[in-house]
Every structure is written in C-alpha cells, then in structure tokens.
Amino acid sequence: MNQREEKQTEEKETTEIGQTMQTVEDTGSVTTDNGSHRIHCMTIVGQIEGHYVLPPETKSTKYEHMIPQLVAVDESTEIEGLLILLNTVGGDIEAGLALAELIAGMKKPTVSLVLGGGHSIGVPLAVAADCSFIVPSATMTIHPVRINGLVLGVPQAFTHFRRMQERITEFVCAHSSMSNQRFSELCMNTGEMATDVGTVLDGADAVREGLIDRLGSLREALDTLYQFIEQQS
C-alpha cells in the first residue's frame, strides 16, 4: 500500500469514528460489528421523557427518539441483535410502557443490562428483553404509580390509578418469573423506605425474586445475545 492509499484509509477510518461518536452523542446509541455479530447498543438513562419536555438540566431519554430506533433495528437487514443498557430513575409511565411493549414485540434477539439503577418504569423496560441481566451493585425500585400535579380526589381518579398499576403489574409479571401477588407485595411494602411505599432490590435480590433473569455484566450479556443470534440463524 502506497502513501496515498494509506492516507485515504486513515481519512476513512477517522470519518467513520467521527460519525460513530456523533451518533452516540445525538442518540445515546451505537451499532458495532467488531465482535462476532453486528449488534445495536441502545442506552436508556436518566429520566424517560414523555409528553412533557423536561428542564435542560435534567438528564433524559426522549421516547420519540427511541421508538423509530427500535423500528429501524428490527427492520434492518444488517443488525442481528439489540443490547439495551439501563441506568434510569424512571419517568413518564405511558412512554416507558410504550417502549417496553415495542422491545417485547421485536423479532430480533434482545438482551437488557441494568447498570446503576432500573427504577420505577425502568422495571418493565428491563424485563421486556428476551433475557435480562443486572450487575451486583445495581438497584431496582418497585413502587406504586405516582402522579405529579393536581389530582382530583374523586373515585374516578383512583380507579384510573388502579388500572394503570394493573397494566404495569401484568406486563412485568408476564415478562419475568415474579408472580402478581409478590410484585404487589413489594410495591406496597411500608417497612423499607422512610418517606415512601415500595421496595429497593439490589442485583442479587432482583434475580432471587425472579424479576431479573441473571446476575452478570457486559461480557455475560453480550455472550447471551450472540447465542440468541446464532440460534436464530
């Protein structure tokens, strides 16, 4: 290879790296083919933004950015699997459930990994994948539905909350090994959180309770995703 060809190769690699870093900066995701298979890595971090725009200082994941990404990944002829990395405090219930339903309905193999935290509506997102992982130091908070702003103290409002909670419970239990009764017990636990109702599970407890499939980190999650891809081939 002469100097001109070497320079062109270096410029091409620099351009590709720049494009990859721009994609990571813009969407928090990246497609990589440096391993055994071509996979897409998607991150769900901070607070999940729904119908209302959060303040600029709040770290957020915008669901209107995530939905087309999920569709594009599932329809791609090149991407073989999806890895979802979660470190979220929760957020908009409808937005989170919408993303969880899309992930659960994908034909491509999916694996989730909870890092740091997978709280509140992050729980359905974690269990929506074909296989879920959590690192030992991560935590997941299970609690009843919370609503910000003005709430009318009428029976219809409480019926709405109850039905919303039922939808979350049914989704989580349908995509994990936890029973409806146990999930409800953990939601309504009054003996753990000083100023709230609910339960905080660390990595080992989340697996022991049947909420998350396995304890592990990035290597284990990638190995499992590769196995799913090879089984589907």
C-alpha atoms as a PDB file:
ATOM      1  CA  MET A   1       0.000   0.000   0.000  1.00  0.00           C
ATOM      2  CA  ASN A   2       1.459   3.369  -1.055  1.00  0.00           C
ATOM      3  CA  GLN A   3       1.339   6.592   0.966  1.00  0.00           C
ATOM      4  CA  ARG A   4      -1.720   7.893  -0.881  1.00  0.00           C
ATOM      5  CA  GLU A   5      -3.715   4.738  -0.171  1.00  0.00           C
ATOM      6  CA  GLU A   6      -2.602   4.769   3.468  1.00  0.00           C
ATOM      7  CA  LYS A   7      -3.724   8.379   3.805  1.00  0.00           C
ATOM      8  CA  GLN A   8      -7.123   7.597   2.241  1.00  0.00           C
ATOM      9  CA  THR A   9      -7.567   4.636   4.601  1.00  0.00           C
ATOM     10  CA  GLU A  10      -6.702   6.780   7.621  1.00  0.00           C
ATOM     11  CA  GLU A  11      -9.113   9.509   6.497  1.00  0.00           C
ATOM     12  CA  LYS A  12     -11.902   6.952   6.009  1.00  0.00           C
ATOM     13  CA  GLU A  13     -11.339   5.464   9.475  1.00  0.00           C
ATOM     14  CA  THR A  14     -11.258   8.946  11.021  1.00  0.00           C
ATOM     15  CA  THR A  15     -14.546   9.830   9.275  1.00  0.00           C
ATOM     16  CA  GLU A  16     -16.215   6.604  10.436  1.00  0.00           C
ATOM     17  CA  ILE A  17     -15.061   7.184  14.025  1.00  0.00           C
ATOM     18  CA  GLY A  18     -16.350  10.755  13.869  1.00  0.00           C
ATOM     19  CA  GLN A  19     -19.730   9.627  12.556  1.00  0.00           C
ATOM     20  CA  THR A  20     -19.974   6.954  15.255  1.00  0.00           C
ATOM     21  CA  MET A  21     -19.160   9.418  18.032  1.00  0.00           C
ATOM     22  CA  GLN A  22     -21.712  11.906  16.650  1.00  0.00           C
ATOM     23  CA  THR A  23     -24.374   9.194  16.661  1.00  0.00           C
ATOM     24  CA  VAL A  24     -23.525   8.318  20.262  1.00  0.00           C
ATOM     25  CA  GLU A  25     -23.728  11.986  21.235  1.00  0.00           C
ATOM     26  CA  ASP A  26     -27.040  12.568  19.427  1.00  0.00           C
ATOM     27  CA  THR A  27     -28.954   9.394  20.276  1.00  0.00           C
ATOM     28  CA  GLY A  28     -27.011   7.566  23.001  1.00  0.00           C
ATOM     29  CA  SER A  29     -26.746   4.504  20.766  1.00  0.00           C
ATOM     30  CA  VAL A  30     -24.209   2.813  18.533  1.00  0.00           C
ATOM     31  CA  THR A  31     -24.110  -0.036  16.034  1.00  0.00           C
ATOM     32  CA  THR A  32     -20.993  -2.187  16.258  1.00  0.00           C
ATOM     33  CA  ASP A  33     -19.687  -5.064  14.172  1.00  0.00           C
ATOM     34  CA  ASN A  34     -16.332  -5.504  15.893  1.00  0.00           C
ATOM     35  CA  GLY A  35     -17.448  -8.703  17.624  1.00  0.00           C
ATOM     36  CA  SER A  36     -18.918 -11.963  16.397  1.00  0.00           C
ATOM     37  CA  HIS A  37     -22.118 -10.293  15.157  1.00  0.00           C
ATOM     38  CA  ARG A  38     -23.404  -6.874  14.190  1.00  0.00           C
ATOM     39  CA  ILE A  39     -25.436  -5.534  17.113  1.00  0.00           C
ATOM     40  CA  HIS A  40     -27.060  -2.270  18.082  1.00  0.00           C
ATOM     41  CA  CYS A  41     -26.438  -0.907  21.590  1.00  0.00           C
ATOM     42  CA  MET A  42     -29.137   1.396  22.947  1.00  0.00           C
ATOM     43  CA  THR A  43     -28.930   3.284  26.248  1.00  0.00           C
ATOM     44  CA  ILE A  44     -31.856   4.351  28.409  1.00  0.00           C
ATOM     45  CA  VAL A  45     -30.541   6.783  31.011  1.00  0.00           C
ATOM     46  CA  GLY A  46     -31.740   9.475  33.360  1.00  0.00           C
ATOM     47  CA  GLN A  47     -35.465  10.209  33.279  1.00  0.00           C
ATOM     48  CA  ILE A  48     -37.683   8.933  30.473  1.00  0.00           C
ATOM     49  CA  GLU A  49     -39.255  11.967  28.854  1.00  0.00           C
ATOM     50  CA  GLY A  50     -42.828  11.573  27.695  1.00  0.00           C
ATOM     51  CA  HIS A  51     -45.446  14.089  26.607  1.00  0.00           C
ATOM     52  CA  TYR A  52     -43.863  16.993  28.506  1.00  0.00           C
ATOM     53  CA  VAL A  53     -40.388  18.421  27.900  1.00  0.00           C
ATOM     54  CA  LEU A  54     -38.111  18.171  30.932  1.00  0.00           C
ATOM     55  CA  PRO A  55     -35.832  21.028  32.065  1.00  0.00           C
ATOM     56  CA  PRO A  56     -32.470  21.305  30.227  1.00  0.00           C
ATOM     57  CA  GLU A  57     -30.506  20.394  33.363  1.00  0.00           C
ATOM     58  CA  THR A  58     -32.320  17.044  33.658  1.00  0.00           C
ATOM     59  CA  LYS A  59     -30.625  14.061  32.044  1.00  0.00           C
ATOM     60  CA  SER A  60     -33.332  12.393  29.971  1.00  0.00           C
ATOM     61  CA  THR A  61     -34.142   9.804  27.318  1.00  0.00           C
ATOM     62  CA  LYS A  62     -36.684  11.009  24.774  1.00  0.00           C
ATOM     63  CA  TYR A  63     -39.144   8.303  23.804  1.00  0.00           C
ATOM     64  CA  GLU A  64     -39.847   9.879  20.407  1.00  0.00           C
ATOM     65  CA  HIS A  65     -36.177   9.262  19.582  1.00  0.00           C
ATOM     66  CA  MET A  66     -36.240   5.685  20.840  1.00  0.00           C
ATOM     67  CA  ILE A  67     -39.363   4.461  19.025  1.00  0.00           C
ATOM     68  CA  PRO A  68     -38.023   4.970  15.466  1.00  0.00           C
ATOM     69  CA  GLN A  69     -34.683   3.481  16.526  1.00  0.00           C
ATOM     70  CA  LEU A  70     -36.379   0.300  17.705  1.00  0.00           C
ATOM     71  CA  VAL A  71     -38.356   0.010  14.471  1.00  0.00           C
ATOM     72  CA  ALA A  72     -35.214   0.631  12.401  1.00  0.00           C
ATOM     73  CA  VAL A  73     -33.243  -2.019  14.327  1.00  0.00           C
ATOM     74  CA  ASP A  74     -35.969  -4.627  13.928  1.00  0.00           C
ATOM     75  CA  GLU A  75     -36.303  -3.932  10.190  1.00  0.00           C
ATOM     76  CA  SER A  76     -32.573  -3.710   9.480  1.00  0.00           C
ATOM     77  CA  THR A  77     -31.088  -6.424   7.257  1.00  0.00           C
ATOM     78  CA  GLU A  78     -27.634  -5.870   8.797  1.00  0.00           C
ATOM     79  CA  ILE A  79     -28.252  -5.582  12.554  1.00  0.00           C
ATOM     80  CA  GLU A  80     -28.639  -9.003  14.176  1.00  0.00           C
ATOM     81  CA  GLY A  81     -29.435  -8.186  17.787  1.00  0.00           C
ATOM     82  CA  LEU A  82     -30.168  -5.428  20.308  1.00  0.00           C
ATOM     83  CA  LEU A  83     -28.374  -4.730  23.606  1.00  0.00           C
ATOM     84  CA  ILE A  84     -30.190  -2.342  25.964  1.00  0.00           C
ATOM     85  CA  LEU A  85     -28.208  -0.664  28.753  1.00  0.00           C
ATOM     86  CA  LEU A  86     -30.338   0.847  31.533  1.00  0.00           C
ATOM     87  CA  ASN A  87     -29.495   3.368  34.213  1.00  0.00           C
ATOM     88  CA  THR A  88     -32.780   5.187  34.725  1.00  0.00           C
ATOM     89  CA  VAL A  89     -34.735   6.700  37.598  1.00  0.00           C
ATOM     90  CA  GLY A  90     -37.999   6.091  35.737  1.00  0.00           C
ATOM     91  CA  GLY A  91     -40.192   8.764  34.208  1.00  0.00           C
ATOM     92  CA  ASP A  92     -43.324   9.005  32.087  1.00  0.00           C
ATOM     93  CA  ILE A  93     -45.427   5.858  32.543  1.00  0.00           C
ATOM     94  CA  GLU A  94     -47.061   5.790  29.118  1.00  0.00           C
ATOM     95  CA  ALA A  95     -43.777   6.494  27.333  1.00  0.00           C
ATOM     96  CA  GLY A  96     -41.942   3.815  29.305  1.00  0.00           C
ATOM     97  CA  LEU A  97     -44.645   1.207  28.703  1.00  0.00           C
ATOM     98  CA  ALA A  98     -44.742   2.089  25.003  1.00  0.00           C
ATOM     99  CA  LEU A  99     -41.010   1.440  24.696  1.00  0.00           C
ATOM    100  CA  ALA A 100     -41.285  -1.759  26.752  1.00  0.00           C
ATOM    101  CA  GLU A 101     -44.070  -3.107  24.525  1.00  0.00           C
ATOM    102  CA  LEU A 102     -42.011  -2.380  21.394  1.00  0.00           C
ATOM    103  CA  ILE A 103     -38.957  -4.169  22.819  1.00  0.00           C
ATOM    104  CA  ALA A 104     -41.069  -7.166  23.860  1.00  0.00           C
ATOM    105  CA  GLY A 105     -42.562  -7.389  20.363  1.00  0.00           C
ATOM    106  CA  MET A 106     -39.303  -7.334  18.404  1.00  0.00           C
ATOM    107  CA  LYS A 107     -38.317 -10.299  16.228  1.00  0.00           C
ATOM    108  CA  LYS A 108     -34.594  -9.614  16.667  1.00  0.00           C
ATOM    109  CA  PRO A 109     -32.903 -11.093  19.784  1.00  0.00           C
ATOM    110  CA  THR A 110     -32.809  -8.622  22.670  1.00  0.00           C
ATOM    111  CA  VAL A 111     -30.840  -8.545  25.924  1.00  0.00           C
ATOM    112  CA  SER A 112     -31.050  -5.891  28.658  1.00  0.00           C
ATOM    113  CA  LEU A 113     -28.463  -4.983  31.276  1.00  0.00           C
ATOM    114  CA  VAL A 114     -29.278  -2.866  34.340  1.00  0.00           C
ATOM    115  CA  LEU A 115     -26.342  -0.691  35.408  1.00  0.00           C
ATOM    116  CA  GLY A 116     -26.641   1.638  38.377  1.00  0.00           C
ATOM    117  CA  GLY A 117     -30.422   1.616  38.548  1.00  0.00           C
ATOM    118  CA  GLY A 118     -33.563   0.456  36.788  1.00  0.00           C
ATOM    119  CA  HIS A 119     -36.193   2.163  38.897  1.00  0.00           C
ATOM    120  CA  SER A 120     -39.936   2.669  38.568  1.00  0.00           C
ATOM    121  CA  ILE A 121     -40.986   2.423  34.900  1.00  0.00           C
ATOM    122  CA  GLY A 122     -37.450   1.204  34.209  1.00  0.00           C
ATOM    123  CA  VAL A 123     -38.561  -2.166  35.612  1.00  0.00           C
ATOM    124  CA  PRO A 124     -40.849  -3.007  32.635  1.00  0.00           C
ATOM    125  CA  LEU A 125     -38.100  -1.839  30.261  1.00  0.00           C
ATOM    126  CA  ALA A 126     -35.585  -4.190  31.875  1.00  0.00           C
ATOM    127  CA  VAL A 127     -37.813  -7.267  31.770  1.00  0.00           C
ATOM    128  CA  ALA A 128     -39.107  -6.610  28.233  1.00  0.00           C
ATOM    129  CA  ALA A 129     -35.989  -8.120  26.625  1.00  0.00           C
ATOM    130  CA  ASP A 130     -35.630 -11.814  25.777  1.00  0.00           C
ATOM    131  CA  CYS A 131     -33.110 -12.080  28.619  1.00  0.00           C
ATOM    132  CA  SER A 132     -32.382  -9.564  31.382  1.00  0.00           C
ATOM    133  CA  PHE A 133     -29.147  -9.048  33.325  1.00  0.00           C
ATOM    134  CA  ILE A 134     -28.246  -6.878  36.297  1.00  0.00           C
ATOM    135  CA  VAL A 135     -24.851  -6.096  37.833  1.00  0.00           C
ATOM    136  CA  PRO A 136     -24.493  -6.858  41.571  1.00  0.00           C
ATOM    137  CA  SER A 137     -24.158  -3.172  42.538  1.00  0.00           C
ATOM    138  CA  ALA A 138     -27.284  -2.011  40.676  1.00  0.00           C
ATOM    139  CA  THR A 139     -30.667  -1.457  42.329  1.00  0.00           C
ATOM    140  CA  MET A 140     -34.282  -1.522  41.175  1.00  0.00           C
ATOM    141  CA  THR A 141     -37.086   0.323  42.963  1.00  0.00           C
ATOM    142  CA  ILE A 142     -40.589  -1.136  42.806  1.00  0.00           C
ATOM    143  CA  HIS A 143     -43.361   1.208  43.929  1.00  0.00           C
ATOM    144  CA  PRO A 144     -46.992   2.109  43.119  1.00  0.00           C
ATOM    145  CA  VAL A 145     -47.914   4.580  40.384  1.00  0.00           C
ATOM    146  CA  ARG A 146     -47.106   8.194  41.215  1.00  0.00           C
ATOM    147  CA  ILE A 147     -48.760  11.221  39.632  1.00  0.00           C
ATOM    148  CA  ASN A 148     -47.353  14.772  39.716  1.00  0.00           C
ATOM    149  CA  GLY A 149     -49.507  17.891  39.696  1.00  0.00           C
ATOM    150  CA  LEU A 150     -53.159  18.413  40.501  1.00  0.00           C
ATOM    151  CA  VAL A 151     -55.140  15.286  41.355  1.00  0.00           C
ATOM    152  CA  LEU A 152     -58.904  15.393  41.860  1.00  0.00           C
ATOM    153  CA  GLY A 153     -59.977  13.470  44.947  1.00  0.00           C
ATOM    154  CA  VAL A 154     -62.799  11.598  43.242  1.00  0.00           C
ATOM    155  CA  PRO A 155     -63.391   7.834  42.823  1.00  0.00           C
ATOM    156  CA  GLN A 156     -62.742   8.002  39.068  1.00  0.00           C
ATOM    157  CA  ALA A 157     -59.197   9.275  39.637  1.00  0.00           C
ATOM    158  CA  PHE A 158     -58.323   6.415  41.987  1.00  0.00           C
ATOM    159  CA  THR A 159     -59.862   3.901  39.583  1.00  0.00           C
ATOM    160  CA  HIS A 160     -57.601   5.299  36.868  1.00  0.00           C
ATOM    161  CA  PHE A 161     -54.516   4.875  39.103  1.00  0.00           C
ATOM    162  CA  ARG A 162     -55.508   1.323  39.986  1.00  0.00           C
ATOM    163  CA  ARG A 163     -55.999   0.311  36.354  1.00  0.00           C
ATOM    164  CA  MET A 164     -52.677   1.899  35.399  1.00  0.00           C
ATOM    165  CA  GLN A 165     -50.943  -0.038  38.168  1.00  0.00           C
ATOM    166  CA  GLU A 166     -52.603  -3.242  36.993  1.00  0.00           C
ATOM    167  CA  ARG A 167     -51.244  -2.740  33.464  1.00  0.00           C
ATOM    168  CA  ILE A 168     -47.721  -2.305  34.791  1.00  0.00           C
ATOM    169  CA  THR A 169     -48.015  -5.327  37.090  1.00  0.00           C
ATOM    170  CA  GLU A 170     -49.388  -7.553  34.346  1.00  0.00           C
ATOM    171  CA  PHE A 171     -46.628  -6.568  31.918  1.00  0.00           C
ATOM    172  CA  VAL A 172     -43.820  -7.082  34.415  1.00  0.00           C
ATOM    173  CA  CYS A 173     -45.115 -10.456  35.604  1.00  0.00           C
ATOM    174  CA  ALA A 174     -45.774 -11.648  32.031  1.00  0.00           C
ATOM    175  CA  HIS A 175     -42.133 -10.983  31.113  1.00  0.00           C
ATOM    176  CA  SER A 176     -40.435 -12.160  34.302  1.00  0.00           C
ATOM    177  CA  SER A 177     -40.672 -15.019  36.793  1.00  0.00           C
ATOM    178  CA  MET A 178     -42.273 -12.903  39.521  1.00  0.00           C
ATOM    179  CA  SER A 179     -45.904 -13.528  40.468  1.00  0.00           C
ATOM    180  CA  ASN A 180     -48.540 -10.787  40.506  1.00  0.00           C
ATOM    181  CA  GLN A 181     -49.031 -11.262  44.228  1.00  0.00           C
ATOM    182  CA  ARG A 182     -45.330 -10.896  45.034  1.00  0.00           C
ATOM    183  CA  PHE A 183     -44.938  -7.837  42.813  1.00  0.00           C
ATOM    184  CA  SER A 184     -47.898  -6.177  44.548  1.00  0.00           C
ATOM    185  CA  GLU A 185     -46.451  -7.030  47.963  1.00  0.00           C
ATOM    186  CA  LEU A 186     -43.149  -5.379  47.078  1.00  0.00           C
ATOM    187  CA  CYS A 187     -44.968  -2.328  45.673  1.00  0.00           C
ATOM    188  CA  MET A 188     -46.962  -1.805  48.865  1.00  0.00           C
ATOM    189  CA  ASN A 189     -44.137  -2.527  51.313  1.00  0.00           C
ATOM    190  CA  THR A 190     -44.164   0.108  54.087  1.00  0.00           C
ATOM    191  CA  GLY A 191     -41.206  -1.161  56.096  1.00  0.00           C
ATOM    192  CA  GLU A 192     -38.253  -0.281  53.874  1.00  0.00           C
ATOM    193  CA  MET A 193     -38.436   3.273  52.524  1.00  0.00           C
ATOM    194  CA  ALA A 194     -38.651   6.021  55.145  1.00  0.00           C
ATOM    195  CA  THR A 195     -40.695   8.524  53.144  1.00  0.00           C
ATOM    196  CA  ASP A 196     -42.320   6.288  50.558  1.00  0.00           C
ATOM    197  CA  VAL A 197     -44.013   2.969  49.838  1.00  0.00           C
ATOM    198  CA  GLY A 198     -42.161   0.290  47.917  1.00  0.00           C
ATOM    199  CA  THR A 199     -39.059  -1.894  47.836  1.00  0.00           C
ATOM    200  CA  VAL A 200     -35.486  -1.445  46.661  1.00  0.00           C
ATOM    201  CA  LEU A 201     -33.872  -4.616  45.290  1.00  0.00           C
ATOM    202  CA  ASP A 202     -30.151  -4.935  44.684  1.00  0.00           C
ATOM    203  CA  GLY A 203     -28.796  -7.098  41.876  1.00  0.00           C
ATOM    204  CA  ALA A 204     -28.784 -10.401  43.734  1.00  0.00           C
ATOM    205  CA  ASP A 205     -32.230  -9.789  45.252  1.00  0.00           C
ATOM    206  CA  ALA A 206     -33.722  -8.883  41.862  1.00  0.00           C
ATOM    207  CA  VAL A 207     -32.558 -12.243  40.490  1.00  0.00           C
ATOM    208  CA  ARG A 208     -33.610 -14.140  43.612  1.00  0.00           C
ATOM    209  CA  GLU A 209     -37.117 -12.646  43.422  1.00  0.00           C
ATOM    210  CA  GLY A 210     -37.425 -13.680  39.770  1.00  0.00           C
ATOM    211  CA  LEU A 211     -37.643 -10.107  38.483  1.00  0.00           C
ATOM    212  CA  ILE A 212     -34.370 -10.282  36.507  1.00  0.00           C
ATOM    213  CA  ASP A 213     -33.139 -13.435  34.779  1.00  0.00           C
ATOM    214  CA  ARG A 214     -29.430 -13.409  35.573  1.00  0.00           C
ATOM    215  CA  LEU A 215     -26.655 -11.686  37.501  1.00  0.00           C
ATOM    216  CA  GLY A 216     -23.853 -10.506  35.230  1.00  0.00           C
ATOM    217  CA  SER A 217     -22.241  -7.634  33.398  1.00  0.00           C
ATOM    218  CA  LEU A 218     -21.401  -6.661  29.824  1.00  0.00           C
ATOM    219  CA  ARG A 219     -19.489  -9.813  28.875  1.00  0.00           C
ATOM    220  CA  GLU A 220     -22.260 -12.146  30.022  1.00  0.00           C
ATOM    221  CA  ALA A 221     -24.926 -10.015  28.335  1.00  0.00           C
ATOM    222  CA  LEU A 222     -23.037  -9.967  25.022  1.00  0.00           C
ATOM    223  CA  ASP A 223     -22.311 -13.708  25.144  1.00  0.00           C
ATOM    224  CA  THR A 224     -26.018 -14.430  25.672  1.00  0.00           C
ATOM    225  CA  LEU A 225     -27.024 -12.077  22.844  1.00  0.00           C
ATOM    226  CA  TYR A 226     -24.558 -13.810  20.499  1.00  0.00           C
ATOM    227  CA  GLN A 227     -26.010 -17.197  21.491  1.00  0.00           C
ATOM    228  CA  PHE A 228     -29.547 -15.997  20.699  1.00  0.00           C
ATOM    229  CA  ILE A 229     -28.399 -14.674  17.313  1.00  0.00           C
ATOM    230  CA  GLU A 230     -26.689 -17.964  16.427  1.00  0.00           C
ATOM    231  CA  GLN A 231     -29.743 -19.976  17.498  1.00  0.00           C
ATOM    232  CA  GLN A 232     -31.958 -17.826  15.292  1.00  0.00           C
ATOM    233  CA  SER A 233     -29.664 -18.154  12.250  1.00  0.00           C
END
